[in-house]
C-alpha atoms as a PDB file:
ATOM      1  CA  MET A   1     144.736  92.827  50.246  1.00  0.00           C
ATOM      2  CA  ARG A   2     146.168  96.283  50.724  1.00  0.00           C
ATOM      3  CA  ARG A   3     147.621  97.110  54.147  1.00  0.00           C
ATOM      4  CA  ARG A   4     145.108  99.941  54.748  1.00  0.00           C
ATOM      5  CA  GLU A   5     142.126  97.665  53.979  1.00  0.00           C
ATOM      6  CA  PHE A   6     143.513  94.995  56.298  1.00  0.00           C
ATOM      7  CA  ILE A   7     143.884  97.481  59.182  1.00  0.00           C
ATOM      8  CA  THR A   8     140.330  98.766  58.634  1.00  0.00           C
ATOM      9  CA  LEU A   9     138.945  95.225  58.642  1.00  0.00           C
ATOM     10  CA  LEU A  10     140.907  94.320  61.758  1.00  0.00           C
ATOM     11  CA  GLY A  11     139.744  97.497  63.562  1.00  0.00           C
ATOM     12  CA  GLY A  12     136.124  96.702  62.798  1.00  0.00           C
ATOM     13  CA  ALA A  13     136.492  93.204  64.171  1.00  0.00           C
ATOM     14  CA  VAL A  14     138.119  94.456  67.378  1.00  0.00           C
ATOM     15  CA  ALA A  15     135.312  96.985  67.879  1.00  0.00           C
ATOM     16  CA  ALA A  16     132.759  94.191  67.544  1.00  0.00           C
ATOM     17  CA  TRP A  17     134.358  91.966  70.185  1.00  0.00           C
ATOM     18  CA  PRO A  18     132.979  93.772  73.262  1.00  0.00           C
ATOM     19  CA  LEU A  19     129.463  93.599  71.793  1.00  0.00           C
ATOM     20  CA  ALA A  20     129.812  89.867  71.251  1.00  0.00           C
ATOM     21  CA  VAL A  21     131.146  89.343  74.755  1.00  0.00           C
ATOM     22  CA  ARG A  22     128.297  91.375  76.274  1.00  0.00           C
ATOM     23  CA  ALA A  23     125.754  89.396  74.295  1.00  0.00           C
ATOM     24  CA  GLN A  24     127.110  86.173  75.803  1.00  0.00           C
ATOM     25  CA  GLN A  25     127.004  87.442  79.406  1.00  0.00           C
ATOM     26  CA  PRO A  26     123.879  86.603  81.473  1.00  0.00           C
ATOM     27  CA  SER A  27     121.551  89.550  81.996  1.00  0.00           C
ATOM     28  CA  MET A  28     121.326  91.128  85.457  1.00  0.00           C
ATOM     29  CA  PRO A  29     118.142  90.157  87.347  1.00  0.00           C
ATOM     30  CA  VAL A  30     115.710  93.003  87.971  1.00  0.00           C
ATOM     31  CA  ILE A  31     113.707  93.465  91.158  1.00  0.00           C
ATOM     32  CA  GLY A  32     110.430  95.336  90.841  1.00  0.00           C
ATOM     33  CA  PHE A  33     110.020  97.463  93.970  1.00  0.00           C
ATOM     34  CA  LEU A  34     106.495  98.707  94.696  1.00  0.00           C
ATOM     35  CA  GLY A  35     106.349 101.405  97.386  1.00  0.00           C
ATOM     36  CA  ALA A  36     103.177 102.868  98.869  1.00  0.00           C
ATOM     37  CA  THR A  37     104.781 106.137  99.953  1.00  0.00           C
ATOM     38  CA  SER A  38     107.684 108.082  98.381  1.00  0.00           C
ATOM     39  CA  PRO A  39     111.466 107.626  98.103  1.00  0.00           C
ATOM     40  CA  GLN A  40     111.982 110.647 100.355  1.00  0.00           C
ATOM     41  CA  SER A  41     109.795 109.154 103.107  1.00  0.00           C
ATOM     42  CA  SER A  42     111.448 105.752 102.835  1.00  0.00           C
ATOM     43  CA  ALA A  43     115.116 106.660 102.325  1.00  0.00           C
ATOM     44  CA  LYS A  44     116.328 105.059 105.577  1.00  0.00           C
ATOM     45  CA  SER A  45     114.152 101.979 105.120  1.00  0.00           C
ATOM     46  CA  LEU A  46     115.461 101.546 101.570  1.00  0.00           C
ATOM     47  CA  GLU A  47     118.962 101.228 102.961  1.00  0.00           C
ATOM     48  CA  ALA A  48     117.658  98.482 105.234  1.00  0.00           C
ATOM     49  CA  PHE A  49     116.126  96.721 102.202  1.00  0.00           C
ATOM     50  CA  ARG A  50     119.461  96.911 100.392  1.00  0.00           C
ATOM     51  CA  LYS A  51     121.185  95.587 103.519  1.00  0.00           C
ATOM     52  CA  GLY A  52     118.863  92.578 103.503  1.00  0.00           C
ATOM     53  CA  LEU A  53     119.633  91.961  99.841  1.00  0.00           C
ATOM     54  CA  SER A  54     123.360  92.179 100.508  1.00  0.00           C
ATOM     55  CA  GLU A  55     123.064  89.486 103.193  1.00  0.00           C
ATOM     56  CA  THR A  56     122.108  87.100 100.385  1.00  0.00           C
ATOM     57  CA  GLY A  57     124.903  88.303  98.101  1.00  0.00           C
ATOM     58  CA  TYR A  58     123.042  90.850  95.965  1.00  0.00           C
ATOM     59  CA  VAL A  59     124.229  94.436  95.566  1.00  0.00           C
ATOM     60  CA  GLU A  60     122.258  96.944  93.507  1.00  0.00           C
ATOM     61  CA  GLY A  61     124.170  97.973  90.394  1.00  0.00           C
ATOM     62  CA  ARG A  62     126.683  95.145  90.734  1.00  0.00           C
ATOM     63  CA  ASN A  63     124.690  91.956  90.249  1.00  0.00           C
ATOM     64  CA  VAL A  64     121.058  93.093  90.542  1.00  0.00           C
ATOM     65  CA  ALA A  65     118.997  96.045  89.302  1.00  0.00           C
ATOM     66  CA  ILE A  66     115.920  97.563  90.970  1.00  0.00           C
ATOM     67  CA  GLU A  67     112.979  99.166  89.168  1.00  0.00           C
ATOM     68  CA  PHE A  68     111.195 101.484  91.619  1.00  0.00           C
ATOM     69  CA  ARG A  69     107.542 102.450  91.472  1.00  0.00           C
ATOM     70  CA  TRP A  70     106.134 104.834  94.108  1.00  0.00           C
ATOM     71  CA  ALA A  71     102.462 105.559  94.855  1.00  0.00           C
ATOM     72  CA  GLY A  72     103.098 108.658  96.997  1.00  0.00           C
ATOM     73  CA  GLY A  73     100.475 107.637  99.563  1.00  0.00           C
ATOM     74  CA  ARG A  74      97.791 107.174  96.893  1.00  0.00           C
ATOM     75  CA  GLU A  75      96.581 103.603  97.003  1.00  0.00           C
ATOM     76  CA  ASP A  76      94.407 104.145  93.912  1.00  0.00           C
ATOM     77  CA  ARG A  77      97.622 104.310  91.827  1.00  0.00           C
ATOM     78  CA  ILE A  78      99.010 101.000  93.077  1.00  0.00           C
ATOM     79  CA  PRO A  79      97.254  98.550  90.685  1.00  0.00           C
ATOM     80  CA  GLU A  80      98.574 100.471  87.668  1.00  0.00           C
ATOM     81  CA  LEU A  81     102.115 100.486  89.079  1.00  0.00           C
ATOM     82  CA  ALA A  82     101.953  96.763  89.844  1.00  0.00           C
ATOM     83  CA  ALA A  83     100.749  96.003  86.312  1.00  0.00           C
ATOM     84  CA  ASP A  84     103.618  98.047  84.888  1.00  0.00           C
ATOM     85  CA  LEU A  85     106.180  95.993  86.808  1.00  0.00           C
ATOM     86  CA  VAL A  86     104.593  92.780  85.570  1.00  0.00           C
ATOM     87  CA  GLN A  87     104.746  94.024  81.973  1.00  0.00           C
ATOM     88  CA  ARG A  88     108.472  94.667  82.434  1.00  0.00           C
ATOM     89  CA  ARG A  89     108.886  91.003  83.400  1.00  0.00           C
ATOM     90  CA  VAL A  90     110.899  91.636  86.527  1.00  0.00           C
ATOM     91  CA  ALA A  91     112.372  88.611  88.298  1.00  0.00           C
ATOM     92  CA  VAL A  92     110.596  89.281  91.605  1.00  0.00           C
ATOM     93  CA  ILE A  93     108.295  91.986  93.006  1.00  0.00           C
ATOM     94  CA  ALA A  94     109.116  93.342  96.471  1.00  0.00           C
ATOM     95  CA  VAL A  95     106.296  95.134  98.297  1.00  0.00           C
ATOM     96  CA  PRO A  96     107.448  96.175 101.774  1.00  0.00           C
ATOM     97  CA  ALA A  97     104.930  97.928 104.035  1.00  0.00           C
ATOM     98  CA  SER A  98     101.948  97.956 101.662  1.00  0.00           C
ATOM     99  CA  THR A  99      98.990  95.599 101.917  1.00  0.00           C
ATOM    100  CA  ALA A 100      97.331  97.222  98.907  1.00  0.00           C
ATOM    101  CA  GLY A 101     100.544  96.742  96.932  1.00  0.00           C
ATOM    102  CA  ALA A 102     100.760  93.061  97.845  1.00  0.00           C
ATOM    103  CA  GLN A 103      97.168  92.473  96.771  1.00  0.00           C
ATOM    104  CA  ALA A 104      97.629  94.425  93.533  1.00  0.00           C
ATOM    105  CA  ALA A 105     100.780  92.492  92.671  1.00  0.00           C
ATOM    106  CA  LYS A 106      99.079  89.167  93.340  1.00  0.00           C
ATOM    107  CA  THR A 107      96.144  90.203  91.150  1.00  0.00           C
ATOM    108  CA  ALA A 108      98.532  91.234  88.380  1.00  0.00           C
ATOM    109  CA  THR A 109     100.558  88.007  88.223  1.00  0.00           C
ATOM    110  CA  SER A 110     100.460  84.374  89.318  1.00  0.00           C
ATOM    111  CA  ASN A 111     103.907  83.649  87.870  1.00  0.00           C
ATOM    112  CA  ILE A 112     106.327  86.303  89.116  1.00  0.00           C
ATOM    113  CA  PRO A 113     107.370  85.731  92.754  1.00  0.00           C
ATOM    114  CA  ILE A 114     106.134  88.369  95.223  1.00  0.00           C
ATOM    115  CA  VAL A 115     107.607  89.247  98.623  1.00  0.00           C
ATOM    116  CA  PHE A 116     105.424  91.464 100.828  1.00  0.00           C
ATOM    117  CA  ALA A 117     105.316  93.073 104.250  1.00  0.00           C
ATOM    118  CA  THR A 118     101.784  93.737 105.473  1.00  0.00           C
ATOM    119  CA  GLY A 119     100.239  95.056 108.648  1.00  0.00           C
ATOM    120  CA  GLY A 120      97.148  92.879 108.199  1.00  0.00           C
ATOM    121  CA  ASP A 121      96.536  89.130 108.334  1.00  0.00           C
ATOM    122  CA  PRO A 122      97.947  87.727 105.049  1.00  0.00           C
ATOM    123  CA  VAL A 123      95.729  84.640 105.242  1.00  0.00           C
ATOM    124  CA  ALA A 124      92.523  86.603 105.836  1.00  0.00           C
ATOM    125  CA  LEU A 125      93.559  89.009 103.074  1.00  0.00           C
ATOM    126  CA  GLY A 126      93.938  86.115 100.635  1.00  0.00           C
ATOM    127  CA  LEU A 127      97.639  86.695 100.027  1.00  0.00           C
ATOM    128  CA  VAL A 128      98.727  83.227 101.181  1.00  0.00           C
ATOM    129  CA  ALA A 129      97.062  79.910 101.948  1.00  0.00           C
ATOM    130  CA  GLY A 130      98.844  79.589 105.289  1.00  0.00           C
ATOM    131  CA  LEU A 131     101.624  81.192 107.298  1.00  0.00           C
ATOM    132  CA  ASN A 132     103.874  78.107 107.364  1.00  0.00           C
ATOM    133  CA  ARG A 133     103.135  76.936 103.815  1.00  0.00           C
ATOM    134  CA  PRO A 134     102.110  80.012 101.808  1.00  0.00           C
ATOM    135  CA  GLY A 135     101.583  78.163  98.524  1.00  0.00           C
ATOM    136  CA  GLY A 136     101.489  79.961  95.177  1.00  0.00           C
ATOM    137  CA  ASN A 137     103.906  82.735  94.229  1.00  0.00           C
ATOM    138  CA  VAL A 138     103.610  84.943  97.322  1.00  0.00           C
ATOM    139  CA  THR A 139     105.312  85.098 100.723  1.00  0.00           C
ATOM    140  CA  GLY A 140     106.655  87.775 103.047  1.00  0.00           C
ATOM    141  CA  VAL A 141     106.370  89.331 106.494  1.00  0.00           C
ATOM    142  CA  LYS A 142     103.358  89.920 108.775  1.00  0.00           C
ATOM    143  CA  SER A 143     104.244  93.208 110.477  1.00  0.00           C
ATOM    144  CA  LEU A 144     101.654  93.064 113.341  1.00  0.00           C
ATOM    145  CA  ASN A 145     101.095  96.836 113.077  1.00  0.00           C
ATOM    146  CA  VAL A 146      97.325  96.459 112.856  1.00  0.00           C
ATOM    147  CA  ASP A 147      97.385  94.030 115.810  1.00  0.00           C
ATOM    148  CA  LEU A 148      99.114  96.685 117.937  1.00  0.00           C
ATOM    149  CA  THR A 149      96.126  99.059 117.730  1.00  0.00           C
ATOM    150  CA  ALA A 150      94.873  98.122 121.207  1.00  0.00           C
ATOM    151  CA  LYS A 151      98.359  98.559 122.674  1.00  0.00           C
ATOM    152  CA  ARG A 152      98.559 102.090 121.239  1.00  0.00           C
ATOM    153  CA  LEU A 153      95.184 103.011 122.717  1.00  0.00           C
ATOM    154  CA  GLY A 154      96.356 101.664 126.073  1.00  0.00           C
ATOM    155  CA  LEU A 155      99.401 103.934 125.885  1.00  0.00           C
ATOM    156  CA  LEU A 156      97.118 106.848 125.065  1.00  0.00           C
ATOM    157  CA  ARG A 157      94.988 106.091 128.127  1.00  0.00           C
ATOM    158  CA  GLU A 158      98.129 105.979 130.295  1.00  0.00           C
ATOM    159  CA  LEU A 159      99.465 109.294 128.957  1.00  0.00           C
ATOM    160  CA  ALA A 160      96.114 111.091 129.019  1.00  0.00           C
ATOM    161  CA  PRO A 161      94.136 109.634 131.945  1.00  0.00           C
ATOM    162  CA  GLN A 162      92.037 112.784 132.065  1.00  0.00           C
ATOM    163  CA  ALA A 163      90.791 112.285 128.488  1.00  0.00           C
ATOM    164  CA  THR A 164      87.026 111.978 128.168  1.00  0.00           C
ATOM    165  CA  ARG A 165      86.927 111.321 124.450  1.00  0.00           C
ATOM    166  CA  PHE A 166      89.052 108.775 122.560  1.00  0.00           C
ATOM    167  CA  VAL A 167      89.116 109.123 118.784  1.00  0.00           C
ATOM    168  CA  ALA A 168      90.737 107.016 116.035  1.00  0.00           C
ATOM    169  CA  LEU A 169      91.670 108.671 112.741  1.00  0.00           C
ATOM    170  CA  VAL A 170      91.066 106.073 110.019  1.00  0.00           C
ATOM    171  CA  SER A 171      91.406 106.097 106.242  1.00  0.00           C
ATOM    172  CA  PRO A 172      88.205 104.772 104.637  1.00  0.00           C
ATOM    173  CA  ASN A 173      90.075 103.678 101.507  1.00  0.00           C
ATOM    174  CA  ALA A 174      92.769 101.466 103.061  1.00  0.00           C
ATOM    175  CA  VAL A 175      92.738  97.718 102.483  1.00  0.00           C
ATOM    176  CA  ASN A 176      93.112  97.165 106.233  1.00  0.00           C
ATOM    177  CA  THR A 177      90.310  99.566 107.234  1.00  0.00           C
ATOM    178  CA  ASP A 178      87.873  96.877 108.415  1.00  0.00           C
ATOM    179  CA  ALA A 179      90.573  95.091 110.415  1.00  0.00           C
ATOM    180  CA  ILE A 180      91.695  98.377 112.013  1.00  0.00           C
ATOM    181  CA  VAL A 181      88.146  99.364 112.994  1.00  0.00           C
ATOM    182  CA  LYS A 182      87.622  95.892 114.457  1.00  0.00           C
ATOM    183  CA  GLU A 183      90.779  96.277 116.563  1.00  0.00           C
ATOM    184  CA  VAL A 184      89.665  99.729 117.708  1.00  0.00           C
ATOM    185  CA  HIS A 185      86.303  98.415 118.906  1.00  0.00           C
ATOM    186  CA  ALA A 186      87.986  95.445 120.593  1.00  0.00           C
ATOM    187  CA  SER A 187      89.934  97.949 122.711  1.00  0.00           C
ATOM    188  CA  VAL A 188      86.816  99.426 124.336  1.00  0.00           C
ATOM    189  CA  PRO A 189      86.736  97.001 127.314  1.00  0.00           C
ATOM    190  CA  ILE A 190      90.422  97.772 128.003  1.00  0.00           C
ATOM    191  CA  LEU A 191      89.880 101.518 127.846  1.00  0.00           C
ATOM    192  CA  GLY A 192      86.591 101.462 129.692  1.00  0.00           C
ATOM    193  CA  SER A 193      85.418 104.044 127.187  1.00  0.00           C
ATOM    194  CA  PRO A 194      83.989 104.023 123.637  1.00  0.00           C
ATOM    195  CA  VAL A 195      86.222 105.078 120.775  1.00  0.00           C
ATOM    196  CA  GLU A 196      84.920 107.359 118.047  1.00  0.00           C
ATOM    197  CA  ILE A 197      85.980 106.804 114.448  1.00  0.00           C
ATOM    198  CA  LEU A 198      86.853 109.816 112.295  1.00  0.00           C
ATOM    199  CA  TYR A 199      87.469 109.104 108.624  1.00  0.00           C
ATOM    200  CA  ALA A 200      89.922 111.016 106.445  1.00  0.00           C
ATOM    201  CA  GLY A 201      91.651 109.661 103.397  1.00  0.00           C
ATOM    202  CA  THR A 202      91.326 111.608 100.169  1.00  0.00           C
ATOM    203  CA  SER A 203      92.878 115.039 100.743  1.00  0.00           C
ATOM    204  CA  ASP A 204      94.451 117.409 103.265  1.00  0.00           C
ATOM    205  CA  ARG A 205      91.003 118.978 103.672  1.00  0.00           C
ATOM    206  CA  ASP A 206      89.767 115.705 105.173  1.00  0.00           C
ATOM    207  CA  ILE A 207      92.465 115.902 107.818  1.00  0.00           C
ATOM    208  CA  ASP A 208      91.742 119.569 108.529  1.00  0.00           C
ATOM    209  CA  ALA A 209      88.042 118.742 108.934  1.00  0.00           C
ATOM    210  CA  ALA A 210      88.805 115.852 111.291  1.00  0.00           C
ATOM    211  CA  PHE A 211      90.869 118.084 113.578  1.00  0.00           C
ATOM    212  CA  ALA A 212      88.221 120.800 113.445  1.00  0.00           C
ATOM    213  CA  ASN A 213      85.759 118.192 114.664  1.00  0.00           C
ATOM    214  CA  LEU A 214      88.115 117.197 117.478  1.00  0.00           C
ATOM    215  CA  SER A 215      88.511 120.771 118.654  1.00  0.00           C
ATOM    216  CA  GLN A 216      84.760 121.243 119.116  1.00  0.00           C
ATOM    217  CA  LYS A 217      84.695 119.203 122.327  1.00  0.00           C
ATOM    218  CA  PRO A 218      87.339 119.304 125.072  1.00  0.00           C
ATOM    219  CA  GLY A 219      89.118 116.306 126.532  1.00  0.00           C
ATOM    220  CA  ALA A 220      89.914 114.471 123.294  1.00  0.00           C
ATOM    221  CA  ALA A 221      92.865 112.116 122.778  1.00  0.00           C
ATOM    222  CA  LEU A 222      93.745 110.807 119.313  1.00  0.00           C
ATOM    223  CA  LEU A 223      95.022 107.593 117.740  1.00  0.00           C
ATOM    224  CA  VAL A 224      96.398 107.914 114.187  1.00  0.00           C
ATOM    225  CA  THR A 225      95.944 104.478 112.623  1.00  0.00           C
ATOM    226  CA  VAL A 226      98.200 102.660 110.163  1.00  0.00           C
ATOM    227  CA  ASP A 227      97.975 104.064 106.646  1.00  0.00           C
ATOM    228  CA  PRO A 228     100.417 105.360 103.984  1.00  0.00           C
ATOM    229  CA  PHE A 229      98.131 108.336 103.309  1.00  0.00           C
ATOM    230  CA  PHE A 230      98.595 109.507 106.899  1.00  0.00           C
ATOM    231  CA  PHE A 231     102.302 108.757 106.854  1.00  0.00           C
ATOM    232  CA  GLU A 232     102.877 110.935 103.794  1.00  0.00           C
ATOM    233  CA  ARG A 233     101.050 113.761 105.624  1.00  0.00           C
ATOM    234  CA  ARG A 234     102.707 113.259 108.989  1.00  0.00           C
ATOM    235  CA  ALA A 235     104.057 116.840 109.163  1.00  0.00           C
ATOM    236  CA  LEU A 236     100.533 118.231 108.733  1.00  0.00           C
ATOM    237  CA  ILE A 237      99.035 115.819 111.269  1.00  0.00           C
ATOM    238  CA  VAL A 238     101.701 116.471 113.917  1.00  0.00           C
ATOM    239  CA  ALA A 239     101.343 120.245 113.424  1.00  0.00           C
ATOM    240  CA  LEU A 240      97.549 120.074 113.820  1.00  0.00           C
ATOM    241  CA  ALA A 241      97.859 117.892 116.928  1.00  0.00           C
ATOM    242  CA  ALA A 242     100.174 120.507 118.458  1.00  0.00           C
ATOM    243  CA  ARG A 243      97.926 123.402 117.432  1.00  0.00           C
ATOM    244  CA  HIS A 244      94.888 121.804 119.072  1.00  0.00           C
ATOM    245  CA  ALA A 245      96.900 120.493 122.069  1.00  0.00           C
ATOM    246  CA  LEU A 246      95.791 116.913 121.438  1.00  0.00           C
ATOM    247  CA  PRO A 247      97.580 113.982 123.068  1.00  0.00           C
ATOM    248  CA  THR A 248      98.202 111.703 120.073  1.00  0.00           C
ATOM    249  CA  VAL A 249      99.738 108.274 119.549  1.00  0.00           C
ATOM    250  CA  TYR A 250     101.221 107.201 116.202  1.00  0.00           C
ATOM    251  CA  PHE A 251     102.314 103.982 114.514  1.00  0.00           C
ATOM    252  CA  ARG A 252     105.811 104.977 113.271  1.00  0.00           C
ATOM    253  CA  ARG A 253     108.731 106.724 114.929  1.00  0.00           C
ATOM    254  CA  GLU A 254     108.973 109.338 112.191  1.00  0.00           C
ATOM    255  CA  TYR A 255     105.984 111.101 113.769  1.00  0.00           C
ATOM    256  CA  ALA A 256     107.709 111.370 117.150  1.00  0.00           C
ATOM    257  CA  ASP A 257     110.915 112.504 115.425  1.00  0.00           C
ATOM    258  CA  ILE A 258     109.129 115.646 114.186  1.00  0.00           C
ATOM    259  CA  GLY A 259     107.177 116.454 117.339  1.00  0.00           C
ATOM    260  CA  GLY A 260     104.556 113.747 117.785  1.00  0.00           C
ATOM    261  CA  LEU A 261     103.912 112.761 121.408  1.00  0.00           C
ATOM    262  CA  ILE A 262     104.546 109.013 121.190  1.00  0.00           C
ATOM    263  CA  SER A 263     104.884 106.275 118.592  1.00  0.00           C
ATOM    264  CA  TYR A 264     104.728 102.533 119.004  1.00  0.00           C
ATOM    265  CA  GLY A 265     104.958  99.880 116.323  1.00  0.00           C
ATOM    266  CA  THR A 266     107.020  97.413 114.394  1.00  0.00           C
ATOM    267  CA  ASN A 267     110.493  98.636 113.527  1.00  0.00           C
ATOM    268  CA  VAL A 268     109.894  99.468 109.854  1.00  0.00           C
ATOM    269  CA  ASP A 269     113.569  99.266 108.910  1.00  0.00           C
ATOM    270  CA  HIS A 270     113.529  95.702 110.253  1.00  0.00           C
ATOM    271  CA  LEU A 271     110.539  94.922 108.002  1.00  0.00           C
ATOM    272  CA  PHE A 272     112.352  96.261 104.958  1.00  0.00           C
ATOM    273  CA  GLU A 273     115.474  94.281 105.837  1.00  0.00           C
ATOM    274  CA  LEU A 274     113.492  91.036 106.176  1.00  0.00           C
ATOM    275  CA  THR A 275     111.783  91.766 102.860  1.00  0.00           C
ATOM    276  CA  GLY A 276     115.202  92.276 101.268  1.00  0.00           C
ATOM    277  CA  ILE A 277     116.489  88.972 102.656  1.00  0.00           C
ATOM    278  CA  TYR A 278     113.506  87.036 101.303  1.00  0.00           C
ATOM    279  CA  THR A 279     113.782  88.830  97.945  1.00  0.00           C
ATOM    280  CA  GLY A 280     117.415  87.719  97.687  1.00  0.00           C
ATOM    281  CA  ARG A 281     116.548  84.156  98.623  1.00  0.00           C
ATOM    282  CA  VAL A 282     113.888  84.057  95.908  1.00  0.00           C
ATOM    283  CA  LEU A 283     116.422  85.374  93.368  1.00  0.00           C
ATOM    284  CA  LYS A 284     118.688  82.505  94.382  1.00  0.00           C
ATOM    285  CA  GLY A 285     115.969  80.053  93.403  1.00  0.00           C
ATOM    286  CA  GLU A 286     113.905  79.389  96.523  1.00  0.00           C
ATOM    287  CA  LYS A 287     110.147  79.183  95.968  1.00  0.00           C
ATOM    288  CA  PRO A 288     107.776  81.570  97.797  1.00  0.00           C
ATOM    289  CA  ALA A 289     105.453  78.601  98.365  1.00  0.00           C
ATOM    290  CA  ASP A 290     108.135  77.021 100.572  1.00  0.00           C
ATOM    291  CA  LEU A 291     109.162  80.158 102.518  1.00  0.00           C
ATOM    292  CA  PRO A 292     107.024  80.604 105.669  1.00  0.00           C
ATOM    293  CA  VAL A 293     105.600  84.041 106.374  1.00  0.00           C
ATOM    294  CA  LEU A 294     107.877  85.750 108.896  1.00  0.00           C
ATOM    295  CA  GLN A 295     106.899  87.803 111.921  1.00  0.00           C
ATOM    296  CA  PRO A 296     109.135  90.670 113.070  1.00  0.00           C
ATOM    297  CA  THR A 297     111.022  90.551 116.339  1.00  0.00           C
ATOM    298  CA  LYS A 298     111.868  94.239 116.642  1.00  0.00           C
ATOM    299  CA  PHE A 299     109.406  96.834 117.937  1.00  0.00           C
ATOM    300  CA  GLU A 300     110.054 100.387 119.031  1.00  0.00           C
ATOM    301  CA  MET A 301     108.504 102.992 121.279  1.00  0.00           C
ATOM    302  CA  VAL A 302     109.633 106.603 120.924  1.00  0.00           C
ATOM    303  CA  ILE A 303     108.492 109.335 123.333  1.00  0.00           C
ATOM    304  CA  ASN A 304     108.920 113.029 122.609  1.00  0.00           C
ATOM    305  CA  LEU A 305     109.391 114.488 126.069  1.00  0.00           C
ATOM    306  CA  SER A 306     109.369 118.072 124.796  1.00  0.00           C
ATOM    307  CA  THR A 307     105.897 117.542 123.372  1.00  0.00           C
ATOM    308  CA  ALA A 308     104.749 115.868 126.581  1.00  0.00           C
ATOM    309  CA  LYS A 309     105.864 118.931 128.561  1.00  0.00           C
ATOM    310  CA  ALA A 310     104.098 121.268 126.133  1.00  0.00           C
ATOM    311  CA  LEU A 311     100.903 119.269 126.716  1.00  0.00           C
ATOM    312  CA  SER A 312     101.479 119.266 130.504  1.00  0.00           C
ATOM    313  CA  ILE A 313     101.732 115.475 130.464  1.00  0.00           C
ATOM    314  CA  ASP A 314     103.802 113.763 133.135  1.00  0.00           C
ATOM    315  CA  VAL A 315     105.294 110.639 131.585  1.00  0.00           C
ATOM    316  CA  SER A 316     105.762 107.954 134.234  1.00  0.00           C
ATOM    317  CA  PRO A 317     109.279 106.679 134.971  1.00  0.00           C
ATOM    318  CA  THR A 318     108.063 103.182 134.060  1.00  0.00           C
ATOM    319  CA  LEU A 319     106.987 104.273 130.583  1.00  0.00           C
ATOM    320  CA  LEU A 320     110.209 106.221 130.079  1.00  0.00           C
ATOM    321  CA  ALA A 321     112.177 103.113 130.997  1.00  0.00           C
ATOM    322  CA  LEU A 322     110.220 101.046 128.461  1.00  0.00           C
ATOM    323  CA  ALA A 323     110.853 103.511 125.632  1.00  0.00           C
ATOM    324  CA  ASP A 324     113.487 102.662 123.052  1.00  0.00           C
ATOM    325  CA  GLU A 325     114.213 106.357 122.666  1.00  0.00           C
ATOM    326  CA  VAL A 326     113.230 109.497 124.551  1.00  0.00           C
ATOM    327  CA  ILE A 327     113.517 112.735 122.590  1.00  0.00           C
ATOM    328  CA  GLU A 328     114.396 115.600 124.909  1.00  0.00           C
END
């Protein structure tokens, strides 16, 4: 064999070695992440999800990959996104903060493990057989956000004792709609006043119409109920509440951060972190059927004192002391 031919042959073999080595290495597991809102809205919570993963030894890009699918507040898109993740044969589907996403994922697969965080009752919703022994391929976190509806209305009564009209803004298309309306009606004895339901859930025009309705009669106070559609439009809702001088209570701190009067609910970053921890544990081989549904231990109340002053609301020292954060 000529020297030049030998060098060419040797070079070709060397070039092939990395390909052979890569072929022998195990493939990186892929998490399918199904989000109800948008990456911009959930940037901080995503870091909490990654933190939870890291607590189990998984770091995105190093030993695990994540395929993201975002619904942008449109629950009608979620089944298609869930089906796409199933077709890609991801190792586990993580669905933090989306009941519709959890249901869509469960409908799409009975084999791929699913880790959810939902504001509703996962047993009543058919996601799991029981909280302690979920059974099947699904487990996760019960966020209690729907259960806190009465507490939010109580806060609204305390902040706006002069209110003569209590109104709940509800999305008619949400999976948790019936449960939310039930909680609203259960609050009537506590409030000593009926609560009107205003529905909005398909477009910004719905929200504009709801606030136009509110402005027709004086003395209204508003509860914005749990829904990704409302969360994606929080800037619009907060601006309309300010324009119409409506005392309003919200379910996530992001509303208060941009001028909403008060928010009270489960710490969403905590939910994402717990979802990340369970996702990592499933990747390590634990079965969802054996992982009990968790309940969060972190809740937060945020009061925007500047907004309270603009509405001529005197926040009691007791309520200020209970707040996790007061925005001056």
